[in-house]
Amino acid sequence: MQQAMLQALQAMHQELVALREEVAQLKQLPPPTNADQGNPAPSAAVQETVSDPHGLRALARSLYQDES
């Protein structure tokens, strides 16, 4: 049981590190223009769901956009 908990903790840590790296990259981007603020294409939403199954990256993006 301890091994499973350790593996879960390591997976969460890796996801957190990836999110921090992505936030650092997003902070380096220029602010979006009015044309950039439209809704994403359906294919982009499907791709994001696959690459972000828990929605944490989307949450980080929305928090970053709200702060701007």
C-alpha atoms as a PDB file:
ATOM      1  CA  MET A   1       0.000   0.000   0.000  1.00  0.00           C
ATOM      2  CA  GLN A   2       2.833   2.398   0.799  1.00  0.00           C
ATOM      3  CA  GLN A   3       4.381   1.668  -2.597  1.00  0.00           C
ATOM      4  CA  ALA A   4       1.114   2.585  -4.361  1.00  0.00           C
ATOM      5  CA  MET A   5       0.843   5.793  -2.367  1.00  0.00           C
ATOM      6  CA  LEU A   6       4.445   6.664  -3.184  1.00  0.00           C
ATOM      7  CA  GLN A   7       3.821   6.082  -6.887  1.00  0.00           C
ATOM      8  CA  ALA A   8       0.694   8.243  -6.783  1.00  0.00           C
ATOM      9  CA  LEU A   9       2.608  10.994  -4.994  1.00  0.00           C
ATOM     10  CA  GLN A  10       5.411  10.837  -7.546  1.00  0.00           C
ATOM     11  CA  ALA A  11       2.890  11.050 -10.405  1.00  0.00           C
ATOM     12  CA  MET A  12       1.258  14.101  -8.807  1.00  0.00           C
ATOM     13  CA  HIS A  13       4.678  15.692  -8.327  1.00  0.00           C
ATOM     14  CA  GLN A  14       5.557  15.134 -11.983  1.00  0.00           C
ATOM     15  CA  GLU A  15       2.255  16.694 -13.060  1.00  0.00           C
ATOM     16  CA  LEU A  16       2.876  19.684 -10.783  1.00  0.00           C
ATOM     17  CA  VAL A  17       6.364  20.175 -12.216  1.00  0.00           C
ATOM     18  CA  ALA A  18       4.931  20.009 -15.755  1.00  0.00           C
ATOM     19  CA  LEU A  19       2.261  22.568 -14.837  1.00  0.00           C
ATOM     20  CA  ARG A  20       4.824  24.925 -13.337  1.00  0.00           C
ATOM     21  CA  GLU A  21       6.930  24.671 -16.485  1.00  0.00           C
ATOM     22  CA  GLU A  22       3.895  25.351 -18.655  1.00  0.00           C
ATOM     23  CA  VAL A  23       2.900  28.361 -16.543  1.00  0.00           C
ATOM     24  CA  ALA A  24       6.438  29.725 -16.855  1.00  0.00           C
ATOM     25  CA  GLN A  25       6.211  29.339 -20.641  1.00  0.00           C
ATOM     26  CA  LEU A  26       2.776  30.975 -20.748  1.00  0.00           C
ATOM     27  CA  LYS A  27       4.028  33.944 -18.739  1.00  0.00           C
ATOM     28  CA  GLN A  28       6.626  34.586 -21.433  1.00  0.00           C
ATOM     29  CA  LEU A  29       3.969  34.878 -24.166  1.00  0.00           C
ATOM     30  CA  PRO A  30       2.702  38.296 -25.238  1.00  0.00           C
ATOM     31  CA  PRO A  31      -0.826  39.196 -24.140  1.00  0.00           C
ATOM     32  CA  PRO A  32      -3.564  37.855 -26.432  1.00  0.00           C
ATOM     33  CA  THR A  33      -5.155  40.139 -29.000  1.00  0.00           C
ATOM     34  CA  ASN A  34      -8.914  40.435 -29.482  1.00  0.00           C
ATOM     35  CA  ALA A  35      -8.761  37.976 -32.397  1.00  0.00           C
ATOM     36  CA  ASP A  36      -6.980  35.403 -30.205  1.00  0.00           C
ATOM     37  CA  GLN A  37      -9.721  35.342 -27.573  1.00  0.00           C
ATOM     38  CA  GLY A  38     -12.259  33.400 -29.661  1.00  0.00           C
ATOM     39  CA  ASN A  39     -13.414  29.902 -28.829  1.00  0.00           C
ATOM     40  CA  PRO A  40     -10.957  27.102 -29.632  1.00  0.00           C
ATOM     41  CA  ALA A  41     -11.717  24.780 -32.532  1.00  0.00           C
ATOM     42  CA  PRO A  42     -13.347  21.464 -31.591  1.00  0.00           C
ATOM     43  CA  SER A  43     -10.250  19.541 -32.641  1.00  0.00           C
ATOM     44  CA  ALA A  44      -8.159  21.598 -30.217  1.00  0.00           C
ATOM     45  CA  ALA A  45     -10.615  20.819 -27.420  1.00  0.00           C
ATOM     46  CA  VAL A  46     -10.396  17.114 -28.166  1.00  0.00           C
ATOM     47  CA  GLN A  47      -6.597  17.251 -28.214  1.00  0.00           C
ATOM     48  CA  GLU A  48      -6.534  19.140 -24.920  1.00  0.00           C
ATOM     49  CA  THR A  49      -8.799  16.563 -23.291  1.00  0.00           C
ATOM     50  CA  VAL A  50      -6.431  13.801 -24.346  1.00  0.00           C
ATOM     51  CA  SER A  51      -3.286  15.620 -23.188  1.00  0.00           C
ATOM     52  CA  ASP A  52      -4.936  17.070 -20.055  1.00  0.00           C
ATOM     53  CA  PRO A  53      -7.228  14.329 -18.718  1.00  0.00           C
ATOM     54  CA  HIS A  54      -7.726  15.951 -15.298  1.00  0.00           C
ATOM     55  CA  GLY A  55      -8.182  19.485 -16.615  1.00  0.00           C
ATOM     56  CA  LEU A  56      -5.322  20.888 -14.539  1.00  0.00           C
ATOM     57  CA  ARG A  57      -3.576  22.571 -17.458  1.00  0.00           C
ATOM     58  CA  ALA A  58      -6.839  24.206 -18.535  1.00  0.00           C
ATOM     59  CA  LEU A  59      -7.383  25.373 -14.962  1.00  0.00           C
ATOM     60  CA  ALA A  60      -3.878  26.838 -14.818  1.00  0.00           C
ATOM     61  CA  ARG A  61      -4.447  28.638 -18.129  1.00  0.00           C
ATOM     62  CA  SER A  62      -7.766  30.082 -16.973  1.00  0.00           C
ATOM     63  CA  LEU A  63      -6.235  31.275 -13.700  1.00  0.00           C
ATOM     64  CA  TYR A  64      -3.364  32.892 -15.570  1.00  0.00           C
ATOM     65  CA  GLN A  65      -5.775  34.618 -17.981  1.00  0.00           C
ATOM     66  CA  ASP A  66      -7.922  35.882 -15.099  1.00  0.00           C
ATOM     67  CA  GLU A  67      -4.871  37.495 -13.464  1.00  0.00           C
ATOM     68  CA  SER A  68      -3.902  39.361 -16.650  1.00  0.00           C
END
